[in-house]
């Protein structure tokens, strides 16, 4: 799924991924509480997501459904990051990620297990 999202669009998508199908009004209420957005801002961002094919709108009550999964978006965004910042080298990306030395021992063990399970 090759859809590039802006941060504002990801906020709307995150709500749908977390909560499931909601009306535009419900999304607006949640975003008002979480970010202070007004209703018009939320509706504008929802419309942009619909135009991109990421949200499907159904009547009655303007029910919004995420058409793309969070995992698909994460995979696409990660590939874009690796391509843009590391010339497509996953090895360089991984080395940069690990160079911060900010992983807890249990996280290191989990990453080792993931790599071992790939072989």
Protein backbone atom coordinates (compact mmCIF):
# COMPACT_ATOMS: atom_id res chain seq x y z
CA UNK A 1 0.00 0.00 0.00
CA UNK A 2 1.76 3.11 -1.20
CA UNK A 3 -0.01 5.98 0.51
CA UNK A 4 2.03 8.82 1.96
CA UNK A 5 0.39 10.30 5.04
CA UNK A 6 0.91 13.65 6.67
CA UNK A 7 1.02 13.70 10.50
CA UNK A 8 -2.52 15.07 10.68
CA UNK A 9 -3.84 12.22 8.52
CA UNK A 10 -2.03 9.68 10.69
CA UNK A 11 -3.84 11.09 13.74
CA UNK A 12 -7.18 10.27 12.12
CA UNK A 13 -5.98 6.86 10.97
CA UNK A 14 -4.61 6.02 14.44
CA UNK A 15 -8.05 6.63 15.92
CA UNK A 16 -9.72 4.33 13.39
CA UNK A 17 -7.07 1.64 13.90
CA UNK A 18 -7.48 1.91 17.67
CA UNK A 19 -11.26 2.28 17.92
CA UNK A 20 -12.60 0.64 14.75
CA UNK A 21 -15.29 2.14 12.53
CA UNK A 22 -16.59 5.49 13.79
CA UNK A 23 -18.73 8.34 12.56
CA UNK A 24 -16.96 11.52 11.53
CA UNK A 25 -18.58 13.20 14.53
CA UNK A 26 -17.12 10.61 16.91
CA UNK A 27 -13.66 11.07 15.36
CA UNK A 28 -14.03 14.85 15.73
CA UNK A 29 -14.98 14.46 19.40
CA UNK A 30 -11.96 12.25 20.13
CA UNK A 31 -9.57 14.59 18.32
CA UNK A 32 -11.05 17.60 20.13
CA UNK A 33 -10.24 15.89 23.45
CA UNK A 34 -6.82 14.56 22.41
CA UNK A 35 -5.44 17.40 20.30
CA UNK A 36 -7.82 20.36 20.55
CA UNK A 37 -8.79 20.19 16.88
CA UNK A 38 -12.10 21.78 15.89
CA UNK A 39 -14.72 19.85 13.93
CA UNK A 40 -13.91 21.52 10.59
CA UNK A 41 -10.23 20.60 10.84
CA UNK A 42 -11.10 16.96 11.52
CA UNK A 43 -13.60 16.82 8.65
CA UNK A 44 -11.03 18.32 6.26
CA UNK A 45 -8.44 15.71 7.23
CA UNK A 46 -10.98 12.89 6.96
CA UNK A 47 -11.85 14.11 3.45
CA UNK A 48 -8.15 14.03 2.48
CA UNK A 49 -7.89 10.44 3.74
CA UNK A 50 -11.00 9.48 1.76
CA UNK A 51 -9.52 11.09 -1.36
CA UNK A 52 -6.34 9.04 -0.87
CA UNK A 53 -8.34 5.83 -0.59
CA UNK A 54 -7.34 5.23 3.02
CA UNK A 55 -10.82 5.69 4.50
CA UNK A 56 -14.13 4.46 3.17
CA UNK A 57 -17.20 6.49 4.10
CA UNK A 58 -20.65 4.97 4.29
CA UNK A 59 -24.06 6.37 5.01
CA UNK A 60 -26.00 6.83 7.16
CA UNK A 61 -24.17 8.89 9.75
CA UNK A 62 -20.93 9.31 7.75
CA UNK A 63 -19.37 6.12 9.16
CA UNK A 64 -15.62 5.98 8.48
CA UNK A 65 -13.68 2.75 8.07
CA UNK A 66 -9.92 2.39 7.66
CA UNK A 67 -9.24 0.66 4.33
CA UNK A 68 -5.50 0.34 4.91
CA UNK A 69 -3.95 -1.43 7.87
CA UNK A 70 -1.55 0.12 10.31
CA UNK A 71 0.96 -2.64 9.49
CA UNK A 72 0.85 -1.81 5.77
CA UNK A 73 1.44 1.87 6.48
CA UNK A 74 4.29 1.08 8.90
CA UNK A 75 5.94 -1.19 6.31
CA UNK A 76 5.64 1.46 3.58
CA UNK A 77 6.89 4.29 5.80
CA UNK A 78 9.83 2.17 6.98
CA UNK A 79 10.82 1.33 3.40
CA UNK A 80 10.58 5.03 2.50
CA UNK A 81 12.78 5.96 5.45
CA UNK A 82 15.40 3.33 4.60
CA UNK A 83 15.41 4.41 0.96
CA UNK A 84 15.58 8.14 1.71
CA UNK A 85 18.02 8.19 4.65
CA UNK A 86 20.16 5.09 4.07
CA UNK A 87 20.19 4.74 0.27
CA UNK A 88 18.05 1.63 0.57
CA UNK A 89 20.50 -0.17 2.86
CA UNK A 90 18.67 -2.01 5.62
CA UNK A 91 22.06 -2.89 7.11
CA UNK A 92 22.96 0.82 7.48
CA UNK A 93 19.51 1.54 8.92
CA UNK A 94 19.85 -1.25 11.45
CA UNK A 95 23.38 -0.17 12.39
CA UNK A 96 22.17 3.41 12.95
CA UNK A 97 19.23 2.14 15.01
CA UNK A 98 21.50 0.04 17.23
CA UNK A 99 24.24 2.68 17.59
CA UNK A 100 22.28 4.65 20.17
CA UNK A 101 22.90 1.97 22.82
CA UNK A 102 19.53 2.82 24.32
CA UNK A 103 18.05 -0.67 24.21
CA UNK A 104 17.20 -2.51 27.40
CA UNK A 105 18.66 -6.01 27.82
CA UNK A 106 15.25 -7.62 27.28
CA UNK A 107 14.81 -5.65 24.03
CA UNK A 108 18.23 -6.83 22.83
CA UNK A 109 17.26 -10.43 23.60
CA UNK A 110 13.97 -10.03 21.69
CA UNK A 111 15.77 -8.58 18.65
CA UNK A 112 18.28 -11.45 18.72
CA UNK A 113 15.39 -13.93 18.85
CA UNK A 114 13.70 -12.22 15.89
CA UNK A 115 16.90 -12.43 13.84
CA UNK A 116 17.51 -16.05 14.82
CA UNK A 117 13.95 -16.96 13.83
CA UNK A 118 14.48 -15.42 10.37
CA UNK A 119 17.28 -17.84 9.49
